[in-house]
Amino acid sequence: MRIRHYLREENELYLIDMENSIEQRLAAQEEKINAIYVSVEKTRKYLLIIMWSTVAMVVLPLLAGALIVPYVISSFSSYYGGLGSF
């Protein structure tokens, strides 16, 4: 009887110790997940800034060029009286 009682107490202490260990691991994982979330949000914002910068530096000048080039060509051709007359 005495051995069984001792083993039961030892088993309960082991289970309590395991529960504490699991709780500590979960708390550590939660901290790490929160740190990862913060890092991912910073990366997302950085990539968003890069995307808008790309649009501003590449796409908008292409659109402006597509709209301005025909106007410039028509202005030069009317100024010089057409391209075929020399």
C-alpha atoms as a PDB file:
ATOM      1  CA  MET A   1       0.000   0.000   0.000  1.00  0.00           C
ATOM      2  CA  ARG A   2       2.710   2.377   0.913  1.00  0.00           C
ATOM      3  CA  ILE A   3       4.483   1.936  -2.417  1.00  0.00           C
ATOM      4  CA  ARG A   4       1.258   2.490  -4.352  1.00  0.00           C
ATOM      5  CA  HIS A   5       0.555   5.654  -2.400  1.00  0.00           C
ATOM      6  CA  TYR A   6       4.079   6.904  -3.034  1.00  0.00           C
ATOM      7  CA  LEU A   7       3.822   6.101  -6.746  1.00  0.00           C
ATOM      8  CA  ARG A   8       0.475   7.884  -6.980  1.00  0.00           C
ATOM      9  CA  GLU A   9       1.951  10.990  -5.360  1.00  0.00           C
ATOM     10  CA  GLU A  10       5.004  10.791  -7.604  1.00  0.00           C
ATOM     11  CA  ASN A  11       2.761  10.386 -10.631  1.00  0.00           C
ATOM     12  CA  GLU A  12       0.652  13.396  -9.638  1.00  0.00           C
ATOM     13  CA  LEU A  13       3.773  15.507  -9.122  1.00  0.00           C
ATOM     14  CA  TYR A  14       5.045  14.417 -12.520  1.00  0.00           C
ATOM     15  CA  LEU A  15       1.736  15.362 -14.155  1.00  0.00           C
ATOM     16  CA  ILE A  16       1.704  18.758 -12.436  1.00  0.00           C
ATOM     17  CA  ASP A  17       5.291  19.320 -13.556  1.00  0.00           C
ATOM     18  CA  MET A  18       4.349  18.359 -17.133  1.00  0.00           C
ATOM     19  CA  GLU A  19       1.389  20.753 -17.077  1.00  0.00           C
ATOM     20  CA  ASN A  20       3.645  23.578 -15.941  1.00  0.00           C
ATOM     21  CA  SER A  21       6.156  22.676 -18.618  1.00  0.00           C
ATOM     22  CA  ILE A  22       3.469  22.657 -21.296  1.00  0.00           C
ATOM     23  CA  GLU A  23       2.102  25.995 -20.096  1.00  0.00           C
ATOM     24  CA  GLN A  24       5.596  27.494 -20.224  1.00  0.00           C
ATOM     25  CA  ARG A  25       6.127  26.150 -23.738  1.00  0.00           C
ATOM     26  CA  LEU A  26       2.776  27.531 -24.876  1.00  0.00           C
ATOM     27  CA  ALA A  27       3.602  30.938 -23.405  1.00  0.00           C
ATOM     28  CA  ALA A  28       6.975  30.931 -25.169  1.00  0.00           C
ATOM     29  CA  GLN A  29       5.334  29.929 -28.457  1.00  0.00           C
ATOM     30  CA  GLU A  30       2.759  32.687 -28.073  1.00  0.00           C
ATOM     31  CA  GLU A  31       5.530  35.270 -27.618  1.00  0.00           C
ATOM     32  CA  LYS A  32       7.332  33.969 -30.692  1.00  0.00           C
ATOM     33  CA  ILE A  33       4.153  33.977 -32.768  1.00  0.00           C
ATOM     34  CA  ASN A  34       3.462  37.581 -31.749  1.00  0.00           C
ATOM     35  CA  ALA A  35       7.001  38.565 -32.749  1.00  0.00           C
ATOM     36  CA  ILE A  36       6.543  36.825 -36.113  1.00  0.00           C
ATOM     37  CA  TYR A  37       3.248  38.656 -36.625  1.00  0.00           C
ATOM     38  CA  VAL A  38       4.905  42.022 -35.999  1.00  0.00           C
ATOM     39  CA  SER A  39       7.681  41.151 -38.432  1.00  0.00           C
ATOM     40  CA  VAL A  40       5.215  40.010 -41.103  1.00  0.00           C
ATOM     41  CA  GLU A  41       3.222  43.228 -40.765  1.00  0.00           C
ATOM     42  CA  LYS A  42       6.379  45.321 -41.192  1.00  0.00           C
ATOM     43  CA  THR A  43       7.306  43.284 -44.280  1.00  0.00           C
ATOM     44  CA  ARG A  44       3.792  43.697 -45.693  1.00  0.00           C
ATOM     45  CA  LYS A  45       3.953  47.462 -45.271  1.00  0.00           C
ATOM     46  CA  TYR A  46       7.419  47.556 -46.852  1.00  0.00           C
ATOM     47  CA  LEU A  47       6.220  45.563 -49.875  1.00  0.00           C
ATOM     48  CA  LEU A  48       3.170  47.818 -50.192  1.00  0.00           C
ATOM     49  CA  ILE A  49       5.443  50.873 -50.293  1.00  0.00           C
ATOM     50  CA  ILE A  50       7.600  49.181 -52.945  1.00  0.00           C
ATOM     51  CA  MET A  51       4.513  48.378 -55.019  1.00  0.00           C
ATOM     52  CA  TRP A  52       3.241  51.961 -54.953  1.00  0.00           C
ATOM     53  CA  SER A  53       6.732  53.275 -55.696  1.00  0.00           C
ATOM     54  CA  THR A  54       6.926  50.966 -58.705  1.00  0.00           C
ATOM     55  CA  VAL A  55       3.578  52.205 -59.942  1.00  0.00           C
ATOM     56  CA  ALA A  56       4.631  55.812 -59.466  1.00  0.00           C
ATOM     57  CA  MET A  57       8.061  55.412 -61.088  1.00  0.00           C
ATOM     58  CA  VAL A  58       7.252  53.043 -63.973  1.00  0.00           C
ATOM     59  CA  VAL A  59       3.570  52.836 -64.848  1.00  0.00           C
ATOM     60  CA  LEU A  60       2.639  56.510 -64.535  1.00  0.00           C
ATOM     61  CA  PRO A  61       5.496  57.721 -66.786  1.00  0.00           C
ATOM     62  CA  LEU A  62       4.528  55.085 -69.375  1.00  0.00           C
ATOM     63  CA  LEU A  63       0.940  56.289 -69.330  1.00  0.00           C
ATOM     64  CA  ALA A  64       2.055  59.913 -69.506  1.00  0.00           C
ATOM     65  CA  GLY A  65       4.336  59.056 -72.428  1.00  0.00           C
ATOM     66  CA  ALA A  66       1.519  57.285 -74.232  1.00  0.00           C
ATOM     67  CA  LEU A  67      -0.621  60.409 -73.887  1.00  0.00           C
ATOM     68  CA  ILE A  68       2.067  63.035 -74.543  1.00  0.00           C
ATOM     69  CA  VAL A  69       3.917  61.455 -77.504  1.00  0.00           C
ATOM     70  CA  PRO A  70       0.955  61.717 -79.939  1.00  0.00           C
ATOM     71  CA  TYR A  71       0.465  65.365 -78.968  1.00  0.00           C
ATOM     72  CA  VAL A  72       4.154  66.134 -79.493  1.00  0.00           C
ATOM     73  CA  ILE A  73       4.200  64.347 -82.872  1.00  0.00           C
ATOM     74  CA  SER A  74       1.135  66.246 -84.057  1.00  0.00           C
ATOM     75  CA  SER A  75       2.658  69.529 -82.871  1.00  0.00           C
ATOM     76  CA  PHE A  76       5.927  68.900 -84.742  1.00  0.00           C
ATOM     77  CA  SER A  77       4.157  67.746 -87.877  1.00  0.00           C
ATOM     78  CA  SER A  78       1.951  70.845 -87.916  1.00  0.00           C
ATOM     79  CA  TYR A  79       4.956  73.060 -87.167  1.00  0.00           C
ATOM     80  CA  TYR A  80       7.008  71.617 -90.007  1.00  0.00           C
ATOM     81  CA  GLY A  81       4.002  71.381 -92.329  1.00  0.00           C
ATOM     82  CA  GLY A  82       3.879  67.593 -92.453  1.00  0.00           C
ATOM     83  CA  LEU A  83       6.562  64.949 -92.587  1.00  0.00           C
ATOM     84  CA  GLY A  84       6.609  64.408 -96.366  1.00  0.00           C
ATOM     85  CA  SER A  85       7.231  67.951 -97.578  1.00  0.00           C
ATOM     86  CA  PHE A  86      10.896  68.971 -97.595  1.00  0.00           C
END
